[in-house]
Amino acid sequence: MTAVITLKLFATLRKHLPENADAYPVTPGKPVIDVLKEIGVPPADAKLIFVNGVRVDPETPLSGGERVGVFPPVGGG
């Protein structure tokens, strides 16, 4: 069974955004980190991960229908 999620990648991660980001297929139960690895995002580059606007752990499982947003580490000073 396959479901879909909406992927949003920000800043330097945008280059990894697949063409089907608005309806990216996932197997229910797949962790966010596995989806990111599939699309080429190095795990260390996924500093902040949000699912439906709530910050989550990279191992959070997806069921389908979620909006997943990922931000890289941010520098500043």
PDB file of N, CA and C in Angstrom:
ATOM      1  N   MET A   1       0.840  -1.182   0.000  1.00  0.00           N
ATOM      2  CA  MET A   1       0.000   0.000   0.000  1.00  0.00           C
ATOM      3  C   MET A   1       0.887   1.248   0.000  1.00  0.00           C
ATOM      4  N   THR A   2       0.546   2.209  -0.820  1.00  0.00           N
ATOM      5  CA  THR A   2       1.327   3.435  -0.909  1.00  0.00           C
ATOM      6  C   THR A   2       0.442   4.630  -0.594  1.00  0.00           C
ATOM      7  N   ALA A   3       1.002   5.565   0.131  1.00  0.00           N
ATOM      8  CA  ALA A   3       0.331   6.813   0.453  1.00  0.00           C
ATOM      9  C   ALA A   3       1.202   7.941  -0.091  1.00  0.00           C
ATOM     10  N   VAL A   4       0.760   9.186   0.042  1.00  0.00           N
ATOM     11  CA  VAL A   4       1.569  10.317  -0.413  1.00  0.00           C
ATOM     12  C   VAL A   4       1.710  11.358   0.696  1.00  0.00           C
ATOM     13  N   ILE A   5       2.830  12.070   0.650  1.00  0.00           N
ATOM     14  CA  ILE A   5       3.090  13.185   1.553  1.00  0.00           C
ATOM     15  C   ILE A   5       3.472  14.393   0.705  1.00  0.00           C
ATOM     16  N   THR A   6       3.466  15.566   1.319  1.00  0.00           N
ATOM     17  CA  THR A   6       3.951  16.786   0.683  1.00  0.00           C
ATOM     18  C   THR A   6       5.290  17.129   1.320  1.00  0.00           C
ATOM     19  N   LEU A   7       6.314  17.271   0.497  1.00  0.00           N
ATOM     20  CA  LEU A   7       7.655  17.589   0.980  1.00  0.00           C
ATOM     21  C   LEU A   7       7.981  19.048   0.733  1.00  0.00           C
ATOM     22  N   LYS A   8       8.534  19.700   1.742  1.00  0.00           N
ATOM     23  CA  LYS A   8       9.036  21.072   1.623  1.00  0.00           C
ATOM     24  C   LYS A   8      10.446  21.079   2.170  1.00  0.00           C
ATOM     25  N   LEU A   9      11.405  21.439   1.331  1.00  0.00           N
ATOM     26  CA  LEU A   9      12.799  21.543   1.757  1.00  0.00           C
ATOM     27  C   LEU A   9      13.216  23.001   1.638  1.00  0.00           C
ATOM     28  N   PHE A  10      13.949  23.491   2.615  1.00  0.00           N
ATOM     29  CA  PHE A  10      14.277  24.900   2.662  1.00  0.00           C
ATOM     30  C   PHE A  10      15.774  25.155   2.543  1.00  0.00           C
ATOM     31  N   ALA A  11      16.093  26.375   2.101  1.00  0.00           N
ATOM     32  CA  ALA A  11      17.466  26.872   1.979  1.00  0.00           C
ATOM     33  C   ALA A  11      18.323  25.925   1.122  1.00  0.00           C
ATOM     34  N   THR A  12      19.454  25.487   1.647  1.00  0.00           N
ATOM     35  CA  THR A  12      20.391  24.679   0.863  1.00  0.00           C
ATOM     36  C   THR A  12      19.861  23.287   0.542  1.00  0.00           C
ATOM     37  N   LEU A  13      18.774  22.867   1.185  1.00  0.00           N
ATOM     38  CA  LEU A  13      18.215  21.539   0.918  1.00  0.00           C
ATOM     39  C   LEU A  13      17.314  21.518  -0.311  1.00  0.00           C
ATOM     40  N   ARG A  14      16.912  22.673  -0.808  1.00  0.00           N
ATOM     41  CA  ARG A  14      15.978  22.729  -1.946  1.00  0.00           C
ATOM     42  C   ARG A  14      16.461  21.953  -3.161  1.00  0.00           C
ATOM     43  N   LYS A  15      17.770  21.874  -3.335  1.00  0.00           N
ATOM     44  CA  LYS A  15      18.320  21.175  -4.497  1.00  0.00           C
ATOM     45  C   LYS A  15      17.939  19.694  -4.518  1.00  0.00           C
ATOM     46  N   HIS A  16      17.538  19.145  -3.369  1.00  0.00           N
ATOM     47  CA  HIS A  16      17.147  17.729  -3.276  1.00  0.00           C
ATOM     48  C   HIS A  16      15.654  17.502  -3.508  1.00  0.00           C
ATOM     49  N   LEU A  17      14.893  18.576  -3.657  1.00  0.00           N
ATOM     50  CA  LEU A  17      13.441  18.448  -3.773  1.00  0.00           C
ATOM     51  C   LEU A  17      13.067  17.724  -5.063  1.00  0.00           C
ATOM     52  N   PRO A  18      12.356  16.603  -4.967  1.00  0.00           N
ATOM     53  CA  PRO A  18      11.963  15.873  -6.178  1.00  0.00           C
ATOM     54  C   PRO A  18      10.811  16.578  -6.897  1.00  0.00           C
ATOM     55  N   GLU A  19      10.646  16.276  -8.178  1.00  0.00           N
ATOM     56  CA  GLU A  19       9.575  16.890  -8.973  1.00  0.00           C
ATOM     57  C   GLU A  19       8.201  16.565  -8.417  1.00  0.00           C
ATOM     58  N   ASN A  20       8.060  15.400  -7.800  1.00  0.00           N
ATOM     59  CA  ASN A  20       6.763  14.978  -7.271  1.00  0.00           C
ATOM     60  C   ASN A  20       6.621  15.309  -5.780  1.00  0.00           C
ATOM     61  N   ALA A  21       7.259  16.393  -5.343  1.00  0.00           N
ATOM     62  CA  ALA A  21       7.257  16.760  -3.921  1.00  0.00           C
ATOM     63  C   ALA A  21       5.857  17.030  -3.370  1.00  0.00           C
ATOM     64  N   ASP A  22       4.923  17.446  -4.224  1.00  0.00           N
ATOM     65  CA  ASP A  22       3.557  17.714  -3.757  1.00  0.00           C
ATOM     66  C   ASP A  22       2.762  16.433  -3.530  1.00  0.00           C
ATOM     67  N   ALA A  23       3.253  15.327  -4.053  1.00  0.00           N
ATOM     68  CA  ALA A  23       2.587  14.030  -3.865  1.00  0.00           C
ATOM     69  C   ALA A  23       3.647  12.934  -3.884  1.00  0.00           C
ATOM     70  N   TYR A  24       4.570  13.009  -2.920  1.00  0.00           N
ATOM     71  CA  TYR A  24       5.667  12.048  -2.864  1.00  0.00           C
ATOM     72  C   TYR A  24       5.163  10.733  -2.258  1.00  0.00           C
ATOM     73  N   PRO A  25       5.352   9.612  -2.962  1.00  0.00           N
ATOM     74  CA  PRO A  25       4.834   8.328  -2.460  1.00  0.00           C
ATOM     75  C   PRO A  25       5.669   7.764  -1.312  1.00  0.00           C
ATOM     76  N   VAL A  26       4.976   7.278  -0.290  1.00  0.00           N
ATOM     77  CA  VAL A  26       5.628   6.619   0.845  1.00  0.00           C
ATOM     78  C   VAL A  26       4.841   5.376   1.224  1.00  0.00           C
ATOM     79  N   THR A  27       5.546   4.425   1.796  1.00  0.00           N
ATOM     80  CA  THR A  27       4.897   3.259   2.388  1.00  0.00           C
ATOM     81  C   THR A  27       4.536   3.643   3.811  1.00  0.00           C
ATOM     82  N   PRO A  28       3.276   3.490   4.223  1.00  0.00           N
ATOM     83  CA  PRO A  28       2.917   3.839   5.600  1.00  0.00           C
ATOM     84  C   PRO A  28       3.843   3.159   6.611  1.00  0.00           C
ATOM     85  N   GLY A  29       4.266   3.937   7.592  1.00  0.00           N
ATOM     86  CA  GLY A  29       5.184   3.442   8.608  1.00  0.00           C
ATOM     87  C   GLY A  29       6.634   3.808   8.341  1.00  0.00           C
ATOM     88  N   LYS A  30       6.940   4.300   7.135  1.00  0.00           N
ATOM     89  CA  LYS A  30       8.318   4.672   6.796  1.00  0.00           C
ATOM     90  C   LYS A  30       8.729   5.904   7.601  1.00  0.00           C
ATOM     91  N   PRO A  31       9.905   5.866   8.247  1.00  0.00           N
ATOM     92  CA  PRO A  31      10.375   7.019   9.008  1.00  0.00           C
ATOM     93  C   PRO A  31      10.770   8.184   8.093  1.00  0.00           C
ATOM     94  N   VAL A  32      10.632   9.386   8.601  1.00  0.00           N
ATOM     95  CA  VAL A  32      10.998  10.588   7.846  1.00  0.00           C
ATOM     96  C   VAL A  32      12.434  10.480   7.338  1.00  0.00           C
ATOM     97  N   ILE A  33      13.356  10.023   8.178  1.00  0.00           N
ATOM     98  CA  ILE A  33      14.767   9.973   7.796  1.00  0.00           C
ATOM     99  C   ILE A  33      14.991   9.083   6.576  1.00  0.00           C
ATOM    100  N   ASP A  34      14.209   8.016   6.433  1.00  0.00           N
ATOM    101  CA  ASP A  34      14.347   7.140   5.267  1.00  0.00           C
ATOM    102  C   ASP A  34      13.908   7.853   3.992  1.00  0.00           C
ATOM    103  N   VAL A  35      12.871   8.673   4.085  1.00  0.00           N
ATOM    104  CA  VAL A  35      12.425   9.459   2.929  1.00  0.00           C
ATOM    105  C   VAL A  35      13.523  10.443   2.534  1.00  0.00           C
ATOM    106  N   LEU A  36      14.125  11.093   3.519  1.00  0.00           N
ATOM    107  CA  LEU A  36      15.175  12.059   3.228  1.00  0.00           C
ATOM    108  C   LEU A  36      16.384  11.388   2.578  1.00  0.00           C
ATOM    109  N   LYS A  37      16.746  10.208   3.062  1.00  0.00           N
ATOM    110  CA  LYS A  37      17.855   9.469   2.443  1.00  0.00           C
ATOM    111  C   LYS A  37      17.523   9.110   1.000  1.00  0.00           C
ATOM    112  N   GLU A  38      16.272   8.721   0.740  1.00  0.00           N
ATOM    113  CA  GLU A  38      15.846   8.366  -0.627  1.00  0.00           C
ATOM    114  C   GLU A  38      16.057   9.508  -1.610  1.00  0.00           C
ATOM    115  N   ILE A  39      15.811  10.730  -1.161  1.00  0.00           N
ATOM    116  CA  ILE A  39      15.909  11.873  -2.077  1.00  0.00           C
ATOM    117  C   ILE A  39      17.283  12.536  -2.035  1.00  0.00           C
ATOM    118  N   GLY A  40      18.213  11.952  -1.255  1.00  0.00           N
ATOM    119  CA  GLY A  40      19.596  12.417  -1.269  1.00  0.00           C
ATOM    120  C   GLY A  40      19.966  13.453  -0.231  1.00  0.00           C
ATOM    121  N   VAL A  41      19.124  13.647   0.773  1.00  0.00           N
ATOM    122  CA  VAL A  41      19.451  14.591   1.844  1.00  0.00           C
ATOM    123  C   VAL A  41      20.317  13.866   2.884  1.00  0.00           C
ATOM    124  N   PRO A  42      21.563  14.322   3.094  1.00  0.00           N
ATOM    125  CA  PRO A  42      22.395  13.705   4.128  1.00  0.00           C
ATOM    126  C   PRO A  42      21.738  13.896   5.500  1.00  0.00           C
ATOM    127  N   PRO A  43      21.666  12.850   6.306  1.00  0.00           N
ATOM    128  CA  PRO A  43      21.007  12.965   7.612  1.00  0.00           C
ATOM    129  C   PRO A  43      21.509  14.136   8.467  1.00  0.00           C
ATOM    130  N   ALA A  44      22.794  14.424   8.413  1.00  0.00           N
ATOM    131  CA  ALA A  44      23.344  15.526   9.217  1.00  0.00           C
ATOM    132  C   ALA A  44      22.839  16.888   8.745  1.00  0.00           C
ATOM    133  N   ASP A  45      22.351  16.962   7.508  1.00  0.00           N
ATOM    134  CA  ASP A  45      21.859  18.230   6.964  1.00  0.00           C
ATOM    135  C   ASP A  45      20.401  18.503   7.317  1.00  0.00           C
ATOM    136  N   ALA A  46      19.717  17.534   7.871  1.00  0.00           N
ATOM    137  CA  ALA A  46      18.307  17.705   8.249  1.00  0.00           C
ATOM    138  C   ALA A  46      18.249  18.088   9.728  1.00  0.00           C
ATOM    139  N   LYS A  47      18.466  19.367  10.002  1.00  0.00           N
ATOM    140  CA  LYS A  47      18.565  19.827  11.387  1.00  0.00           C
ATOM    141  C   LYS A  47      17.202  19.937  12.067  1.00  0.00           C
ATOM    142  N   LEU A  48      16.236  20.531  11.370  1.00  0.00           N
ATOM    143  CA  LEU A  48      14.891  20.685  11.920  1.00  0.00           C
ATOM    144  C   LEU A  48      13.898  19.998  10.998  1.00  0.00           C
ATOM    145  N   ILE A  49      13.098  19.109  11.550  1.00  0.00           N
ATOM    146  CA  ILE A  49      12.101  18.380  10.767  1.00  0.00           C
ATOM    147  C   ILE A  49      10.730  18.639  11.396  1.00  0.00           C
ATOM    148  N   PHE A  50       9.801  19.064  10.540  1.00  0.00           N
ATOM    149  CA  PHE A  50       8.438  19.329  10.990  1.00  0.00           C
ATOM    150  C   PHE A  50       7.467  18.451  10.210  1.00  0.00           C
ATOM    151  N   VAL A  51       6.497  17.880  10.910  1.00  0.00           N
ATOM    152  CA  VAL A  51       5.418  17.141  10.271  1.00  0.00           C
ATOM    153  C   VAL A  51       4.124  17.833  10.686  1.00  0.00           C
ATOM    154  N   ASN A  52       3.400  18.336   9.689  1.00  0.00           N
ATOM    155  CA  ASN A  52       2.164  19.087   9.942  1.00  0.00           C
ATOM    156  C   ASN A  52       2.382  20.220  10.946  1.00  0.00           C
ATOM    157  N   GLY A  53       3.538  20.896  10.813  1.00  0.00           N
ATOM    158  CA  GLY A  53       3.835  22.052  11.644  1.00  0.00           C
ATOM    159  C   GLY A  53       4.360  21.760  13.034  1.00  0.00           C
ATOM    160  N   VAL A  54       4.585  20.489  13.364  1.00  0.00           N
ATOM    161  CA  VAL A  54       5.085  20.102  14.685  1.00  0.00           C
ATOM    162  C   VAL A  54       6.481  19.503  14.537  1.00  0.00           C
ATOM    163  N   ARG A  55       7.428  20.011  15.324  1.00  0.00           N
ATOM    164  CA  ARG A  55       8.794  19.475  15.257  1.00  0.00           C
ATOM    165  C   ARG A  55       8.800  18.018  15.713  1.00  0.00           C
ATOM    166  N   VAL A  56       9.473  17.168  14.906  1.00  0.00           N
ATOM    167  CA  VAL A  56       9.498  15.739  15.196  1.00  0.00           C
ATOM    168  C   VAL A  56      10.915  15.194  15.130  1.00  0.00           C
ATOM    169  N   ASP A  57      11.074  13.979  15.613  1.00  0.00           N
ATOM    170  CA  ASP A  57      12.313  13.221  15.551  1.00  0.00           C
ATOM    171  C   ASP A  57      12.456  12.643  14.142  1.00  0.00           C
ATOM    172  N   PRO A  58      13.680  12.473  13.634  1.00  0.00           N
ATOM    173  CA  PRO A  58      13.863  11.896  12.298  1.00  0.00           C
ATOM    174  C   PRO A  58      13.275  10.490  12.136  1.00  0.00           C
ATOM    175  N   GLU A  59      13.136   9.771  13.239  1.00  0.00           N
ATOM    176  CA  GLU A  59      12.598   8.407  13.176  1.00  0.00           C
ATOM    177  C   GLU A  59      11.062   8.359  13.194  1.00  0.00           C
ATOM    178  N   THR A  60      10.417   9.518  13.202  1.00  0.00           N
ATOM    179  CA  THR A  60       8.955   9.568  13.232  1.00  0.00           C
ATOM    180  C   THR A  60       8.381   8.873  12.003  1.00  0.00           C
ATOM    181  N   PRO A  61       7.474   7.912  12.200  1.00  0.00           N
ATOM    182  CA  PRO A  61       6.873   7.229  11.051  1.00  0.00           C
ATOM    183  C   PRO A  61       5.800   8.088  10.381  1.00  0.00           C
ATOM    184  N   LEU A  62       5.701   7.916   9.075  1.00  0.00           N
ATOM    185  CA  LEU A  62       4.689   8.621   8.288  1.00  0.00           C
ATOM    186  C   LEU A  62       3.559   7.662   7.939  1.00  0.00           C
ATOM    187  N   SER A  63       2.363   8.190   7.819  1.00  0.00           N
ATOM    188  CA  SER A  63       1.229   7.330   7.452  1.00  0.00           C
ATOM    189  C   SER A  63       0.616   7.742   6.126  1.00  0.00           C
ATOM    190  N   GLY A  64       0.936   8.946   5.654  1.00  0.00           N
ATOM    191  CA  GLY A  64       0.360   9.461   4.418  1.00  0.00           C
ATOM    192  C   GLY A  64      -0.494  10.667   4.726  1.00  0.00           C
ATOM    193  N   GLY A  65      -0.461  11.647   3.833  1.00  0.00           N
ATOM    194  CA  GLY A  65      -1.239  12.853   4.013  1.00  0.00           C
ATOM    195  C   GLY A  65      -0.518  13.955   4.764  1.00  0.00           C
ATOM    196  N   GLU A  66       0.667  13.672   5.294  1.00  0.00           N
ATOM    197  CA  GLU A  66       1.391  14.674   6.066  1.00  0.00           C
ATOM    198  C   GLU A  66       2.080  15.706   5.167  1.00  0.00           C
ATOM    199  N   ARG A  67       2.353  16.863   5.786  1.00  0.00           N
ATOM    200  CA  ARG A  67       3.217  17.883   5.197  1.00  0.00           C
ATOM    201  C   ARG A  67       4.523  17.826   5.973  1.00  0.00           C
ATOM    202  N   VAL A  68       5.609  17.543   5.268  1.00  0.00           N
ATOM    203  CA  VAL A  68       6.919  17.393   5.907  1.00  0.00           C
ATOM    204  C   VAL A  68       7.810  18.546   5.468  1.00  0.00           C
ATOM    205  N   GLY A  69       8.289  19.315   6.436  1.00  0.00           N
ATOM    206  CA  GLY A  69       9.195  20.424   6.162  1.00  0.00           C
ATOM    207  C   GLY A  69      10.532  20.160   6.809  1.00  0.00           C
ATOM    208  N   VAL A  70      11.629  20.449   6.066  1.00  0.00           N
ATOM    209  CA  VAL A  70      12.962  20.162   6.585  1.00  0.00           C
ATOM    210  C   VAL A  70      13.861  21.380   6.373  1.00  0.00           C
ATOM    211  N   PHE A  71      14.553  21.761   7.450  1.00  0.00           N
ATOM    212  CA  PHE A  71      15.464  22.891   7.417  1.00  0.00           C
ATOM    213  C   PHE A  71      16.878  22.421   7.713  1.00  0.00           C
ATOM    214  N   PRO A  72      17.878  23.011   7.036  1.00  0.00           N
ATOM    215  CA  PRO A  72      19.276  22.676   7.339  1.00  0.00           C
ATOM    216  C   PRO A  72      19.744  23.437   8.583  1.00  0.00           C
ATOM    217  N   PRO A  73      20.948  23.104   9.074  1.00  0.00           N
ATOM    218  CA  PRO A  73      21.505  23.907  10.175  1.00  0.00           C
ATOM    219  C   PRO A  73      21.642  25.359   9.697  1.00  0.00           C
ATOM    220  N   VAL A  74      21.368  26.286  10.585  1.00  0.00           N
ATOM    221  CA  VAL A  74      21.422  27.697  10.226  1.00  0.00           C
ATOM    222  C   VAL A  74      22.548  28.350  11.002  1.00  0.00           C
ATOM    223  N   GLY A  75      23.391  29.070  10.264  1.00  0.00           N
ATOM    224  CA  GLY A  75      24.471  29.796  10.906  1.00  0.00           C
ATOM    225  C   GLY A  75      24.082  31.252  11.047  1.00  0.00           C
ATOM    226  N   GLY A  76      24.765  31.945  11.865  1.00  0.00           N
ATOM    227  CA  GLY A  76      24.473  33.369  12.039  1.00  0.00           C
ATOM    228  C   GLY A  76      25.373  33.962  13.099  1.00  0.00           C
ATOM    229  N   GLY A  77      25.184  35.217  13.289  1.00  0.00           N
ATOM    230  CA  GLY A  77      26.016  35.795  14.315  1.00  0.00           C
ATOM    231  C   GLY A  77      25.870  37.216  14.440  1.00  0.00           C
TER     232      GLY A  77
END
